[in-house]
Protein backbone atom coordinates (compact mmCIF):
# COMPACT_ATOMS: atom_id res chain seq x y z
CA UNK A 1 -63.98 66.59 -141.03
CA UNK A 2 -64.71 66.95 -144.24
CA UNK A 3 -68.13 67.45 -145.67
CA UNK A 4 -67.50 65.26 -149.02
CA UNK A 5 -65.32 61.88 -149.30
CA UNK A 6 -63.87 61.17 -152.17
CA UNK A 7 -65.44 59.23 -154.50
CA UNK A 8 -63.30 55.71 -154.37
CA UNK A 9 -63.86 56.29 -150.40
CA UNK A 10 -68.06 56.35 -151.07
CA UNK A 11 -68.45 53.42 -152.98
CA UNK A 12 -65.78 51.28 -150.23
CA UNK A 13 -68.83 52.82 -148.03
CA UNK A 14 -71.71 52.41 -150.54
CA UNK A 15 -70.15 48.71 -151.35
CA UNK A 16 -68.65 47.14 -148.24
CA UNK A 17 -71.01 48.49 -145.23
CA UNK A 18 -68.07 50.74 -143.67
CA UNK A 19 -65.69 49.12 -140.63
CA UNK A 20 -67.02 47.26 -137.49
CA UNK A 21 -67.78 49.89 -135.02
CA UNK A 22 -68.07 49.38 -130.85
CA UNK A 23 -72.44 50.33 -131.33
CA UNK A 24 -74.23 47.39 -130.68
CA UNK A 25 -76.12 45.11 -132.94
CA UNK A 26 -79.75 44.81 -132.39
CA UNK A 27 -80.25 42.52 -129.03
CA UNK A 28 -83.72 41.41 -128.00
CA UNK A 29 -86.34 43.54 -126.53
CA UNK A 30 -88.85 43.55 -124.09
CA UNK A 31 -91.44 42.86 -126.71
CA UNK A 32 -92.19 42.60 -131.06
CA UNK A 33 -92.93 44.93 -132.31
CA UNK A 34 -94.48 42.68 -134.91
CA UNK A 35 -91.76 40.88 -136.88
CA UNK A 36 -91.28 37.36 -137.32
CA UNK A 37 -88.34 37.10 -135.14
CA UNK A 38 -90.13 38.97 -131.69
CA UNK A 39 -86.88 40.98 -130.98
CA UNK A 40 -86.70 44.60 -131.63
CA UNK A 41 -83.72 47.15 -131.25
CA UNK A 42 -85.15 49.92 -129.29
CA UNK A 43 -83.58 53.57 -129.72
CA UNK A 44 -85.74 56.07 -127.65
CA UNK A 45 -88.56 56.22 -130.14
CA UNK A 46 -87.80 53.99 -132.55
CA UNK A 47 -88.12 50.70 -132.73
CA UNK A 48 -86.86 48.51 -135.70
CA UNK A 49 -87.47 44.83 -135.27
CA UNK A 50 -84.33 42.75 -135.81
CA UNK A 51 -86.03 41.01 -139.29
CA UNK A 52 -86.60 44.55 -140.62
CA UNK A 53 -82.31 45.56 -140.18
CA UNK A 54 -81.33 42.35 -141.13
CA UNK A 55 -83.19 43.13 -144.82
CA UNK A 56 -81.62 46.45 -144.94
CA UNK A 57 -78.24 44.94 -144.18
CA UNK A 58 -78.20 42.51 -147.34
CA UNK A 59 -79.33 45.00 -149.41
CA UNK A 60 -75.60 46.56 -149.09
CA UNK A 61 -73.98 45.66 -151.69
CA UNK A 62 -69.79 44.01 -151.32
CA UNK A 63 -68.49 42.29 -149.52
CA UNK A 64 -68.48 42.97 -146.20
CA UNK A 65 -69.79 40.51 -143.65
CA UNK A 66 -73.91 40.26 -142.46
CA UNK A 67 -72.63 41.94 -139.01
CA UNK A 68 -70.51 44.97 -139.84
CA UNK A 69 -73.68 45.83 -142.30
CA UNK A 70 -75.82 45.52 -139.84
CA UNK A 71 -73.82 47.36 -137.58
CA UNK A 72 -74.46 50.08 -140.77
CA UNK A 73 -77.58 50.47 -140.28
CA UNK A 74 -77.69 50.80 -136.90
CA UNK A 75 -75.28 53.82 -137.02
CA UNK A 76 -77.46 55.60 -139.94
CA UNK A 77 -80.56 54.72 -136.88
CA UNK A 78 -78.73 56.45 -134.46
CA UNK A 79 -77.09 59.20 -137.49
CA UNK A 80 -81.52 59.69 -137.78
CA UNK A 81 -82.16 60.39 -133.94
CA UNK A 82 -79.47 62.82 -133.97
CA UNK A 83 -80.41 64.54 -136.47
CA UNK A 84 -83.89 65.00 -135.53
CA UNK A 85 -82.60 65.94 -132.32
CA UNK A 86 -80.25 69.15 -133.75
CA UNK A 87 -83.01 69.61 -136.47
CA UNK A 88 -80.84 68.64 -139.23
CA UNK A 89 -81.24 67.96 -142.32
CA UNK A 90 -80.21 67.60 -146.40
CA UNK A 91 -81.58 69.33 -149.02
CA UNK A 92 -81.61 67.88 -152.52
CA UNK A 93 -79.32 71.01 -153.91
CA UNK A 94 -76.50 69.89 -151.39
CA UNK A 95 -76.70 66.65 -153.01
CA UNK A 96 -76.66 68.37 -156.45
CA UNK A 97 -73.41 70.38 -155.62
CA UNK A 98 -71.87 67.44 -153.49
CA UNK A 99 -72.05 65.03 -157.14
CA UNK A 100 -70.60 68.47 -158.39
CA UNK A 101 -68.01 68.15 -156.44
CA UNK A 102 -67.09 64.43 -156.82
CA UNK A 103 -67.16 64.36 -160.69
CA UNK A 104 -65.19 67.90 -161.11
CA UNK A 105 -62.34 66.71 -157.88
CA UNK A 106 -62.24 63.27 -160.01
CA UNK A 107 -61.80 64.52 -162.90
CA UNK A 108 -65.02 62.86 -164.35
CA UNK A 109 -66.59 63.75 -167.53
CA UNK A 110 -70.58 63.01 -166.64
CA UNK A 111 -70.50 60.00 -168.68
CA UNK A 112 -66.87 58.33 -166.78
CA UNK A 113 -68.81 59.16 -163.63
CA UNK A 114 -71.85 57.07 -164.40
CA UNK A 115 -69.31 54.05 -165.79
CA UNK A 116 -67.06 54.34 -162.00
CA UNK A 117 -71.09 54.12 -159.90
CA UNK A 118 -72.12 51.27 -162.69
CA UNK A 119 -68.75 49.23 -162.28
CA UNK A 120 -69.74 48.65 -158.32
CA UNK A 121 -72.86 48.00 -158.54
CA UNK A 122 -74.11 51.98 -158.74
CA UNK A 123 -76.70 54.24 -160.29
CA UNK A 124 -76.90 57.92 -159.67
CA UNK A 125 -79.74 57.76 -157.96
CA UNK A 126 -78.39 54.95 -155.22
CA UNK A 127 -75.01 56.86 -155.29
CA UNK A 128 -77.21 60.42 -153.89
CA UNK A 129 -78.21 58.42 -151.47
CA UNK A 130 -74.93 57.51 -150.21
CA UNK A 131 -73.97 61.26 -150.64
CA UNK A 132 -76.80 62.13 -148.44
CA UNK A 133 -76.72 60.09 -146.03
CA UNK A 134 -73.28 61.05 -145.96
CA UNK A 135 -73.56 64.96 -145.49
CA UNK A 136 -76.36 64.66 -143.06
CA UNK A 137 -73.79 62.30 -140.81
CA UNK A 138 -71.43 65.36 -141.38
CA UNK A 139 -73.81 67.38 -140.02
CA UNK A 140 -74.55 65.75 -136.86
CA UNK A 141 -70.99 65.26 -135.44
CA UNK A 142 -70.42 68.24 -136.65
CA UNK A 143 -73.10 69.74 -134.64
CA UNK A 144 -72.47 67.26 -131.91
CA UNK A 145 -68.46 67.49 -131.92
CA UNK A 146 -68.05 70.38 -133.00
CA UNK A 147 -70.85 72.80 -131.79
CA UNK A 148 -71.91 70.91 -128.41
CA UNK A 149 -68.44 69.40 -127.04
CA UNK A 150 -66.26 72.71 -128.52
CA UNK A 151 -63.86 70.10 -131.46
CA UNK A 152 -62.95 71.80 -134.48
CA UNK A 153 -64.76 70.37 -137.28
CA UNK A 154 -61.94 69.67 -139.07
CA UNK A 155 -59.51 67.28 -136.72
CA UNK A 156 -62.61 64.81 -136.18
CA UNK A 157 -61.19 61.91 -136.30
CA UNK A 158 -63.01 58.63 -136.72
CA UNK A 159 -62.54 57.34 -132.99
CA UNK A 160 -63.73 60.51 -132.08
CA UNK A 161 -66.87 59.44 -134.13
CA UNK A 162 -67.22 55.73 -132.54
CA UNK A 163 -67.04 57.34 -128.60
CA UNK A 164 -69.56 59.80 -129.91
CA UNK A 165 -72.48 57.19 -131.29
CA UNK A 166 -71.76 54.80 -129.30
CA UNK A 167 -72.43 57.31 -126.45
CA UNK A 168 -75.86 58.70 -128.67
CA UNK A 169 -76.88 54.99 -128.82
CA UNK A 170 -76.77 54.16 -125.23
CA UNK A 171 -78.09 56.80 -123.86
CA UNK A 172 -81.00 56.24 -126.85
CA UNK A 173 -81.11 52.06 -125.99
CA UNK A 174 -82.20 54.06 -122.23
CA UNK A 175 -84.27 56.58 -122.26
CA UNK A 176 -87.05 56.52 -120.89
CA UNK A 177 -90.21 56.58 -123.34
CA UNK A 178 -93.76 57.73 -122.46
CA UNK A 179 -97.28 58.43 -124.54
CA UNK A 180 -98.32 61.70 -124.75
CA UNK A 181 -101.23 62.95 -126.81
CA UNK A 182 -100.63 59.49 -128.48
CA UNK A 183 -97.58 60.41 -129.73
CA UNK A 184 -94.36 58.31 -127.98
CA UNK A 185 -92.11 61.46 -126.04
CA UNK A 186 -88.49 61.00 -124.97
CA UNK A 187 -88.22 62.09 -121.34
CA UNK A 188 -85.00 62.98 -120.82
CA UNK A 189 -83.08 64.52 -117.91
CA UNK A 190 -83.28 68.15 -117.84
CA UNK A 191 -81.65 70.99 -115.67
CA UNK A 192 -83.12 74.17 -115.20
CA UNK A 193 -81.92 77.49 -115.83
CA UNK A 194 -82.06 78.92 -112.68
CA UNK A 195 -79.36 76.76 -111.40
CA UNK A 196 -77.44 77.22 -115.04
CA UNK A 197 -74.04 78.92 -115.23
CA UNK A 198 -71.64 80.16 -117.42
CA UNK A 199 -67.36 80.17 -117.33
CA UNK A 200 -65.60 82.10 -120.14
CA UNK A 201 -68.24 84.40 -120.29
CA UNK A 202 -66.87 87.68 -120.60
CA UNK A 203 -68.84 89.82 -123.34
CA UNK A 204 -72.46 88.19 -122.37
CA UNK A 205 -73.16 87.64 -118.58
CA UNK A 206 -75.37 84.35 -117.09
CA UNK A 207 -78.82 86.74 -116.84
CA UNK A 208 -77.98 87.38 -120.57
CA UNK A 209 -77.49 83.87 -121.69
CA UNK A 210 -80.12 82.73 -119.52
CA UNK A 211 -83.00 85.01 -121.29
CA UNK A 212 -81.42 83.54 -124.69
CA UNK A 213 -82.14 80.36 -123.52
CA UNK A 214 -85.55 80.94 -122.19
CA UNK A 215 -87.10 82.76 -125.69
CA UNK A 216 -85.43 79.84 -127.35
CA UNK A 217 -87.15 77.24 -125.87
CA UNK A 218 -90.11 79.11 -124.32
CA UNK A 219 -89.29 76.68 -121.02
CA UNK A 220 -87.74 77.03 -117.93
CA UNK A 221 -85.41 73.62 -118.04
CA UNK A 222 -83.62 72.48 -120.89
CA UNK A 223 -83.77 68.84 -121.81
CA UNK A 224 -79.91 67.42 -122.61
CA UNK A 225 -80.80 64.59 -125.18
CA UNK A 226 -79.46 62.20 -126.61
CA UNK A 227 -75.35 63.54 -126.93
CA UNK A 228 -75.95 64.56 -122.93
CA UNK A 229 -75.88 68.13 -124.07
CA UNK A 230 -78.80 70.83 -124.69
CA UNK A 231 -80.72 71.59 -127.52
CA UNK A 232 -79.15 72.61 -131.06
CA UNK A 233 -81.33 75.74 -131.13
CA UNK A 234 -80.07 77.34 -127.55
CA UNK A 235 -76.55 76.29 -128.40
CA UNK A 236 -77.30 78.41 -131.78
CA UNK A 237 -78.85 81.11 -129.57
CA UNK A 238 -76.08 81.76 -127.65
CA UNK A 239 -73.75 82.00 -130.69
CA UNK A 240 -76.13 84.36 -132.52
CA UNK A 241 -75.89 86.17 -129.63
CA UNK A 242 -72.23 86.69 -129.93
CA UNK A 243 -72.45 86.64 -133.24
CA UNK A 244 -74.53 90.06 -132.90
CA UNK A 245 -71.76 91.42 -131.07
CA UNK A 246 -69.29 90.14 -133.88
CA UNK A 247 -67.90 87.60 -132.14
CA UNK A 248 -68.18 84.61 -134.93
CA UNK A 249 -66.11 81.52 -133.28
CA UNK A 250 -67.59 81.96 -129.89
CA UNK A 251 -68.38 77.59 -128.58
CA UNK A 252 -70.62 76.79 -126.08
CA UNK A 253 -69.68 73.06 -124.54
CA UNK A 254 -71.90 71.19 -121.58
CA UNK A 255 -72.93 70.63 -120.00
CA UNK A 256 -72.76 67.02 -119.53
CA UNK A 257 -75.42 65.00 -117.96
CA UNK A 258 -73.05 64.17 -114.61
CA UNK A 259 -72.98 66.92 -111.72
CA UNK A 260 -76.49 68.59 -112.30
CA UNK A 261 -76.69 69.79 -109.13
CA UNK A 262 -74.70 72.62 -110.78
CA UNK A 263 -74.45 72.99 -114.82
CA UNK A 264 -71.73 74.26 -115.87
CA UNK A 265 -71.26 75.39 -119.51
CA UNK A 266 -68.22 76.68 -120.81
CA UNK A 267 -68.10 79.29 -123.34
CA UNK A 268 -65.11 79.97 -125.52
CA UNK A 269 -66.04 83.46 -127.14
CA UNK A 270 -63.16 84.06 -129.51
CA UNK A 271 -62.02 87.99 -130.13
CA UNK A 272 -64.11 90.29 -132.08
CA UNK A 273 -64.20 90.44 -135.66
CA UNK A 274 -64.34 93.57 -138.41
CA UNK A 275 -65.23 92.96 -141.72
CA UNK A 276 -62.37 92.06 -144.78
CA UNK A 277 -62.05 91.83 -148.48
CA UNK A 278 -66.14 90.56 -149.88
CA UNK A 279 -65.54 88.53 -152.69
CA UNK A 280 -67.54 87.16 -155.97
CA UNK A 281 -67.17 84.34 -158.09
CA UNK A 282 -69.28 83.25 -160.98
CA UNK A 283 -69.52 79.54 -162.32
CA UNK A 284 -70.81 78.16 -165.39
CA UNK A 285 -70.35 74.82 -165.78
CA UNK A 286 -66.69 73.83 -166.10
CA UNK A 287 -66.27 78.03 -166.01
CA UNK A 288 -65.26 79.37 -163.68
CA UNK A 289 -63.77 83.60 -162.52
CA UNK A 290 -64.58 86.69 -161.48
CA UNK A 291 -65.25 90.55 -161.82
CA UNK A 292 -61.97 91.12 -161.51
CA UNK A 293 -61.09 88.74 -164.54
CA UNK A 294 -63.60 89.77 -166.85
CA UNK A 295 -64.80 93.12 -167.87
CA UNK A 296 -68.66 91.91 -168.67
CA UNK A 297 -68.95 90.90 -165.03
CA UNK A 298 -67.06 93.86 -163.75
CA UNK A 299 -69.71 95.86 -164.97
CA UNK A 300 -72.17 93.80 -163.42
CA UNK A 301 -70.72 94.02 -160.08
CA UNK A 302 -70.84 97.46 -160.06
CA UNK A 303 -74.74 97.38 -159.58
CA UNK A 304 -74.34 95.03 -156.21
CA UNK A 305 -74.66 96.67 -153.23
CA UNK A 306 -71.45 98.25 -151.72
CA UNK A 307 -69.41 95.74 -149.02
CA UNK A 308 -70.24 96.67 -145.35
CA UNK A 309 -67.01 97.63 -143.50
CA UNK A 310 -65.96 98.40 -140.09
CA UNK A 311 -66.82 96.15 -136.97
CA UNK A 312 -68.46 92.63 -137.80
CA UNK A 313 -72.35 93.04 -138.46
CA UNK A 314 -74.66 89.67 -139.05
CA UNK A 315 -77.54 92.02 -140.82
CA UNK A 316 -75.03 93.69 -142.25
CA UNK A 317 -73.84 90.25 -143.86
CA UNK A 318 -76.75 89.03 -144.97
CA UNK A 319 -78.00 92.79 -146.44
CA UNK A 320 -75.15 92.03 -149.07
CA UNK A 321 -75.26 88.74 -149.53
CA UNK A 322 -79.10 89.54 -150.62
CA UNK A 323 -77.89 91.91 -152.77
CA UNK A 324 -75.56 89.58 -154.46
CA UNK A 325 -78.60 87.20 -155.05
CA UNK A 326 -81.02 90.08 -156.15
CA UNK A 327 -78.56 91.71 -158.63
CA UNK A 328 -77.15 88.20 -159.68
CA UNK A 329 -81.11 86.97 -160.63
CA UNK A 330 -81.98 90.43 -161.70
CA UNK A 331 -79.47 89.58 -164.60
CA UNK A 332 -79.72 85.26 -165.44
CA UNK A 333 -82.92 84.67 -163.96
CA UNK A 334 -84.25 82.93 -160.89
CA UNK A 335 -82.35 79.96 -161.48
CA UNK A 336 -79.52 81.40 -159.64
CA UNK A 337 -77.96 80.08 -157.27
CA UNK A 338 -75.85 82.10 -154.53
CA UNK A 339 -73.68 80.27 -152.11
CA UNK A 340 -72.29 82.32 -149.81
CA UNK A 341 -69.29 81.86 -147.39
CA UNK A 342 -67.29 83.15 -144.80
CA UNK A 343 -63.76 83.15 -144.38
CA UNK A 344 -63.03 84.03 -140.99
CA UNK A 345 -58.61 84.88 -140.16
CA UNK A 346 -58.86 84.62 -136.65
CA UNK A 347 -54.90 85.77 -136.20
CA UNK A 348 -56.29 89.44 -137.63
CA UNK A 349 -59.96 88.67 -136.10
CA UNK A 350 -60.85 90.10 -139.86
CA UNK A 351 -63.89 87.70 -141.50
CA UNK A 352 -64.14 87.86 -145.62
CA UNK A 353 -67.20 87.66 -147.03
CA UNK A 354 -67.76 85.40 -150.37
CA UNK A 355 -70.63 84.96 -152.97
CA UNK A 356 -70.25 81.74 -154.93
CA UNK A 357 -72.24 82.66 -158.46
CA UNK A 358 -73.29 79.40 -159.72
CA UNK A 359 -75.11 79.82 -163.16
CA UNK A 360 -77.58 77.25 -164.87
CA UNK A 361 -76.46 75.70 -167.59
């Protein structure tokens, strides 16, 4: 699944409200949240009056039906709940990069971009809002279907997203909520670390993986949230343990709410990686080059720390990327942005480090 959709698809999303999906529209709740209708939808601790859902739906431009637009609003609420569970967010810099990527990939000048948006009843501010929502949704789907369910993010299809959101929406509607210290708390099912078993792990034993989870959560039990799985911080901690051992492609799946008497977590460790080639690209406005193609950049790159070699180590990779950033900011100022990337060649067991240096225009 790509991080950024094409301009035409994003305009369709913004102006048509998306196509209908199998997620229920608001239904009557047990109590009023203060709106005129007296009906509300509950998604965990989130309670939204149906009138407010309809008002938000009517703000979506385009010819889609009101029911479709209400579905679109509801999907956004489910994504927001999952984003909190996964502890993911979108920074302004990510939206800036997405706007620029879409403009370039569609071959538009900044003025042509504005004209294309205006033709669809949008301005740049509202379009940035659409992009932010799309990036957040992509992060949520990558976390839930990629990191949690072990799916290849590039192979995620729309029906996978629909199933995933429908399941999360149902769990959010059904979870018991209670008030603690004046705030709403969702009482998700839990699984004890003592009962948790692992499959597929040869490099790290069960006891160590339980210790990693205990340190990540600071507790002996793990909640199973709206996706039916353990918190993302635990999954990332497990992946981090493999990352520290050079296993960059480790995937963690489960456990599911079924069979919690003997829950199992499946781990696909993947091969151990060694450092491959390290490369730097420098971009300013429309121009992009590399030290190999520019003598001045080549002279600058000689001041960058040597790229790491041998078995992959996270600390060594981060140290090189920080060295690129420090050298770039020393040369071009604090406004320089360095975007890291890791090109994994699993068949070869190589991890190629890449750094894109973005210079201010």
